[in-house]
C-alpha atoms as a PDB file:
ATOM      1  CA  MET A   1       0.000   0.000   0.000  1.00  0.00           C
ATOM      2  CA  ARG A   2       2.823   2.389   0.931  1.00  0.00           C
ATOM      3  CA  ARG A   3       4.597   1.700  -2.370  1.00  0.00           C
ATOM      4  CA  GLY A   4       1.469   2.806  -4.260  1.00  0.00           C
ATOM      5  CA  VAL A   5       1.349   6.055  -2.309  1.00  0.00           C
ATOM      6  CA  GLN A   6       5.047   6.646  -2.973  1.00  0.00           C
ATOM      7  CA  GLN A   7       4.520   6.047  -6.696  1.00  0.00           C
ATOM      8  CA  ALA A   8       1.558   8.438  -6.753  1.00  0.00           C
ATOM      9  CA  VAL A   9       3.599  11.164  -5.052  1.00  0.00           C
ATOM     10  CA  ALA A  10       6.534  10.559  -7.429  1.00  0.00           C
ATOM     11  CA  SER A  11       4.151  10.821 -10.409  1.00  0.00           C
ATOM     12  CA  MET A  12       2.791  14.132  -9.132  1.00  0.00           C
ATOM     13  CA  ILE A  13       6.286  15.543  -8.817  1.00  0.00           C
ATOM     14  CA  THR A  14       7.321  14.358 -12.304  1.00  0.00           C
ATOM     15  CA  LEU A  15       4.145  15.618 -13.945  1.00  0.00           C
ATOM     16  CA  GLY A  16       4.572  19.057 -12.419  1.00  0.00           C
ATOM     17  CA  VAL A  17       1.217  18.955 -10.620  1.00  0.00           C
ATOM     18  CA  GLY A  18       0.595  22.146  -8.643  1.00  0.00           C
ATOM     19  CA  PRO A  19       0.780  22.325  -4.826  1.00  0.00           C
ATOM     20  CA  MET A  20      -3.026  22.407  -4.305  1.00  0.00           C
ATOM     21  CA  ARG A  21      -3.560  19.383  -6.525  1.00  0.00           C
ATOM     22  CA  LYS A  22      -0.739  17.554  -4.714  1.00  0.00           C
ATOM     23  CA  PHE A  23      -2.410  18.291  -1.384  1.00  0.00           C
ATOM     24  CA  GLN A  24      -5.788  17.031  -2.645  1.00  0.00           C
ATOM     25  CA  LEU A  25      -4.283  13.819  -4.004  1.00  0.00           C
ATOM     26  CA  ALA A  26      -2.205  13.236  -0.865  1.00  0.00           C
ATOM     27  CA  SER A  27      -5.315  13.773   1.290  1.00  0.00           C
ATOM     28  CA  LEU A  28      -7.264  11.317  -0.837  1.00  0.00           C
ATOM     29  CA  CYS A  29      -4.484   8.723  -0.542  1.00  0.00           C
ATOM     30  CA  ALA A  30      -4.344   9.188   3.230  1.00  0.00           C
ATOM     31  CA  PHE A  31      -8.135   8.793   3.470  1.00  0.00           C
ATOM     32  CA  PHE A  32      -8.064   5.509   1.553  1.00  0.00           C
ATOM     33  CA  CYS A  33      -5.192   4.173   3.662  1.00  0.00           C
ATOM     34  CA  VAL A  34      -7.043   4.936   6.910  1.00  0.00           C
ATOM     35  CA  THR A  35     -10.396   3.523   5.783  1.00  0.00           C
ATOM     36  CA  ALA A  36      -8.804   0.396   4.327  1.00  0.00           C
ATOM     37  CA  THR A  37      -7.037  -0.275   7.635  1.00  0.00           C
ATOM     38  CA  SER A  38     -10.309   0.127   9.567  1.00  0.00           C
ATOM     39  CA  ALA A  39     -12.148  -2.193   7.225  1.00  0.00           C
ATOM     40  CA  PHE A  40      -9.530  -4.921   7.627  1.00  0.00           C
ATOM     41  CA  ALA A  41      -9.461  -4.488  11.409  1.00  0.00           C
ATOM     42  CA  HIS A  42     -13.043  -5.622  11.959  1.00  0.00           C
ATOM     43  CA  HIS A  43     -14.318  -9.145  11.479  1.00  0.00           C
ATOM     44  CA  SER A  44     -17.550 -11.042  11.112  1.00  0.00           C
ATOM     45  CA  PHE A  45     -18.879 -13.424  13.715  1.00  0.00           C
ATOM     46  CA  ALA A  46     -18.487 -16.420  11.401  1.00  0.00           C
ATOM     47  CA  MET A  47     -15.435 -17.451  13.423  1.00  0.00           C
ATOM     48  CA  PHE A  48     -17.712 -18.429  16.319  1.00  0.00           C
ATOM     49  CA  ASP A  49     -19.734 -21.649  16.384  1.00  0.00           C
ATOM     50  CA  ARG A  50     -23.194 -20.366  17.207  1.00  0.00           C
ATOM     51  CA  SER A  51     -24.615 -23.890  17.219  1.00  0.00           C
ATOM     52  CA  LYS A  52     -22.675 -24.689  20.418  1.00  0.00           C
ATOM     53  CA  GLU A  53     -22.845 -22.976  23.770  1.00  0.00           C
ATOM     54  CA  MET A  54     -20.094 -23.672  26.276  1.00  0.00           C
ATOM     55  CA  THR A  55     -20.030 -22.861  29.962  1.00  0.00           C
ATOM     56  CA  LEU A  56     -16.610 -22.122  31.409  1.00  0.00           C
ATOM     57  CA  VAL A  57     -15.897 -21.774  35.116  1.00  0.00           C
ATOM     58  CA  GLY A  58     -12.721 -19.955  36.026  1.00  0.00           C
ATOM     59  CA  VAL A  59     -10.890 -17.015  37.515  1.00  0.00           C
ATOM     60  CA  VAL A  60     -10.573 -13.704  35.665  1.00  0.00           C
ATOM     61  CA  ALA A  61      -6.922 -13.043  34.850  1.00  0.00           C
ATOM     62  CA  GLU A  62      -7.657  -9.740  33.090  1.00  0.00           C
ATOM     63  CA  PHE A  63     -10.614  -7.624  31.965  1.00  0.00           C
ATOM     64  CA  GLN A  64      -9.717  -5.413  29.016  1.00  0.00           C
ATOM     65  CA  TRP A  65     -12.081  -2.441  28.627  1.00  0.00           C
ATOM     66  CA  THR A  66     -10.786  -1.559  25.142  1.00  0.00           C
ATOM     67  CA  ASN A  67     -12.021  -0.690  21.674  1.00  0.00           C
ATOM     68  CA  PRO A  68     -13.128  -2.108  19.354  1.00  0.00           C
ATOM     69  CA  HIS A  69     -14.005  -5.035  21.683  1.00  0.00           C
ATOM     70  CA  SER A  70     -13.614  -5.689  25.374  1.00  0.00           C
ATOM     71  CA  TRP A  71     -12.029  -8.973  26.462  1.00  0.00           C
ATOM     72  CA  ILE A  72     -12.071 -11.290  29.440  1.00  0.00           C
ATOM     73  CA  GLU A  73      -8.941 -13.381  29.869  1.00  0.00           C
ATOM     74  CA  LEU A  74     -10.080 -16.370  31.928  1.00  0.00           C
ATOM     75  CA  ASP A  75      -8.009 -19.059  33.656  1.00  0.00           C
ATOM     76  CA  VAL A  76      -9.941 -22.342  33.594  1.00  0.00           C
ATOM     77  CA  THR A  77      -8.652 -25.198  35.755  1.00  0.00           C
ATOM     78  CA  ASN A  78      -8.934 -28.654  34.181  1.00  0.00           C
ATOM     79  CA  PRO A  79      -9.706 -31.839  36.167  1.00  0.00           C
ATOM     80  CA  ASP A  80      -5.998 -32.764  36.077  1.00  0.00           C
ATOM     81  CA  GLY A  81      -5.027 -29.431  37.674  1.00  0.00           C
ATOM     82  CA  THR A  82      -3.599 -27.810  34.556  1.00  0.00           C
ATOM     83  CA  VAL A  83      -4.887 -24.345  33.655  1.00  0.00           C
ATOM     84  CA  ASP A  84      -6.134 -23.275  30.222  1.00  0.00           C
ATOM     85  CA  LYS A  85      -6.170 -19.599  29.326  1.00  0.00           C
ATOM     86  CA  TRP A  86      -9.337 -18.578  27.458  1.00  0.00           C
ATOM     87  CA  SER A  87      -9.829 -15.289  25.579  1.00  0.00           C
ATOM     88  CA  ILE A  88     -13.460 -14.204  25.506  1.00  0.00           C
ATOM     89  CA  GLU A  89     -14.539 -11.404  23.196  1.00  0.00           C
ATOM     90  CA  LEU A  90     -17.243  -8.976  24.323  1.00  0.00           C
ATOM     91  CA  ASN A  91     -18.984  -5.992  22.784  1.00  0.00           C
ATOM     92  CA  SER A  92     -17.379  -2.537  22.709  1.00  0.00           C
ATOM     93  CA  PRO A  93     -17.065  -0.546  25.949  1.00  0.00           C
ATOM     94  CA  ASN A  94     -19.570   1.961  24.558  1.00  0.00           C
ATOM     95  CA  ASN A  95     -22.240  -0.699  24.012  1.00  0.00           C
ATOM     96  CA  LEU A  96     -21.478  -2.420  27.317  1.00  0.00           C
ATOM     97  CA  ALA A  97     -21.739   0.914  29.180  1.00  0.00           C
ATOM     98  CA  ARG A  98     -25.202   1.463  27.679  1.00  0.00           C
ATOM     99  CA  GLN A  99     -26.145  -1.921  29.154  1.00  0.00           C
ATOM    100  CA  GLY A 100     -24.971  -0.890  32.626  1.00  0.00           C
ATOM    101  CA  TRP A 101     -21.421  -2.259  32.568  1.00  0.00           C
ATOM    102  CA  HIS A 102     -18.420  -0.330  33.942  1.00  0.00           C
ATOM    103  CA  SER A 103     -14.687  -0.699  33.465  1.00  0.00           C
ATOM    104  CA  ASN A 104     -14.562  -2.369  36.878  1.00  0.00           C
ATOM    105  CA  SER A 105     -17.618  -4.635  36.457  1.00  0.00           C
ATOM    106  CA  VAL A 106     -15.276  -7.608  36.198  1.00  0.00           C
ATOM    107  CA  LYS A 107     -11.977  -7.654  38.092  1.00  0.00           C
ATOM    108  CA  PRO A 108      -8.916  -9.889  38.087  1.00  0.00           C
ATOM    109  CA  GLY A 109      -9.435 -12.604  40.686  1.00  0.00           C
ATOM    110  CA  ASP A 110     -13.222 -12.735  40.207  1.00  0.00           C
ATOM    111  CA  LYS A 111     -14.545 -16.285  40.029  1.00  0.00           C
ATOM    112  CA  ILE A 112     -17.142 -16.496  37.286  1.00  0.00           C
ATOM    113  CA  SER A 113     -19.150 -18.905  35.206  1.00  0.00           C
ATOM    114  CA  VAL A 114     -19.358 -17.659  31.626  1.00  0.00           C
ATOM    115  CA  ILE A 115     -21.413 -18.827  28.654  1.00  0.00           C
ATOM    116  CA  ILE A 116     -19.775 -18.423  25.233  1.00  0.00           C
ATOM    117  CA  TRP A 117     -20.045 -19.448  21.616  1.00  0.00           C
ATOM    118  CA  PRO A 118     -16.640 -21.114  21.079  1.00  0.00           C
ATOM    119  CA  LEU A 119     -14.249 -20.452  18.220  1.00  0.00           C
ATOM    120  CA  ARG A 120     -14.762 -22.814  15.268  1.00  0.00           C
ATOM    121  CA  SER A 121     -10.992 -23.315  15.084  1.00  0.00           C
ATOM    122  CA  GLY A 122     -10.941 -25.132  18.422  1.00  0.00           C
ATOM    123  CA  GLU A 123      -8.646 -22.531  19.969  1.00  0.00           C
ATOM    124  CA  LYS A 124      -9.358 -21.470  23.554  1.00  0.00           C
ATOM    125  CA  GLY A 125     -11.629 -18.504  22.873  1.00  0.00           C
ATOM    126  CA  GLY A 126     -15.176 -17.489  22.169  1.00  0.00           C
ATOM    127  CA  LEU A 127     -17.895 -14.871  21.971  1.00  0.00           C
ATOM    128  CA  PHE A 128     -19.423 -13.743  25.256  1.00  0.00           C
ATOM    129  CA  MET A 129     -23.102 -14.442  26.008  1.00  0.00           C
ATOM    130  CA  SER A 130     -23.355 -14.002  29.792  1.00  0.00           C
ATOM    131  CA  LEU A 131     -21.535 -14.477  33.052  1.00  0.00           C
ATOM    132  CA  THR A 132     -22.626 -15.310  36.587  1.00  0.00           C
ATOM    133  CA  PHE A 133     -20.823 -14.417  39.801  1.00  0.00           C
ATOM    134  CA  PRO A 134     -20.873 -16.793  42.802  1.00  0.00           C
ATOM    135  CA  ASP A 135     -23.425 -14.500  44.528  1.00  0.00           C
ATOM    136  CA  GLY A 136     -25.846 -14.987  41.603  1.00  0.00           C
ATOM    137  CA  ARG A 137     -25.347 -11.595  39.929  1.00  0.00           C
ATOM    138  CA  ILE A 138     -25.529 -11.864  36.130  1.00  0.00           C
ATOM    139  CA  LEU A 139     -23.935  -9.696  33.481  1.00  0.00           C
ATOM    140  CA  ASP A 140     -24.960 -10.422  29.925  1.00  0.00           C
ATOM    141  CA  GLU A 141     -24.972  -9.168  26.368  1.00  0.00           C
ATOM    142  CA  ALA A 142     -28.366  -7.619  25.600  1.00  0.00           C
ATOM    143  CA  ALA A 143     -28.186  -8.665  21.946  1.00  0.00           C
ATOM    144  CA  PHE A 144     -28.157 -12.343  22.969  1.00  0.00           C
ATOM    145  CA  ARG A 145     -30.677 -12.348  25.865  1.00  0.00           C
ATOM    146  CA  ASN A 146     -33.440 -13.994  23.840  1.00  0.00           C
ATOM    147  CA  ARG A 147     -31.221 -16.287  21.748  1.00  0.00           C
ATOM    148  CA  ASN A 148     -32.992 -19.458  22.945  1.00  0.00           C
ATOM    149  CA  LYS A 149     -36.563 -18.242  22.490  1.00  0.00           C
ATOM    150  CA  GLN A 150     -38.486 -19.311  19.409  1.00  0.00           C
ATOM    151  CA  PRO A 151     -40.151 -16.516  17.354  1.00  0.00           C
END
């Protein structure tokens, strides 16, 4: 991508294009570079297996309140005592805040039970549906509240 921009700038210089035209073309190139990067940064939800729901019980290692998606890093202890690290993708902080979440809603050390749609690849990750604290409090994703109800 950068090579194309360099070639465009070199062409403008060789063709004797005026300063205003150079600025317009450079601005246009910059716009396309920024929008192309944003488009590649986002993904569809096809990577998650929505036909399977998994419940994980573990301890929060980290809660990342970041854009474009928040994340829960969860340590899940297996029956043999080994620990698997799971990465669970949530909605954006903006959308979570509108649902009543805060940056400290989930803290490292919290023991939780979380329902996810797992990654199709089999890697240790998934898309967040809801979580339950030991005291019974529930945090969920509003978009998926009625996922099991028939129309």
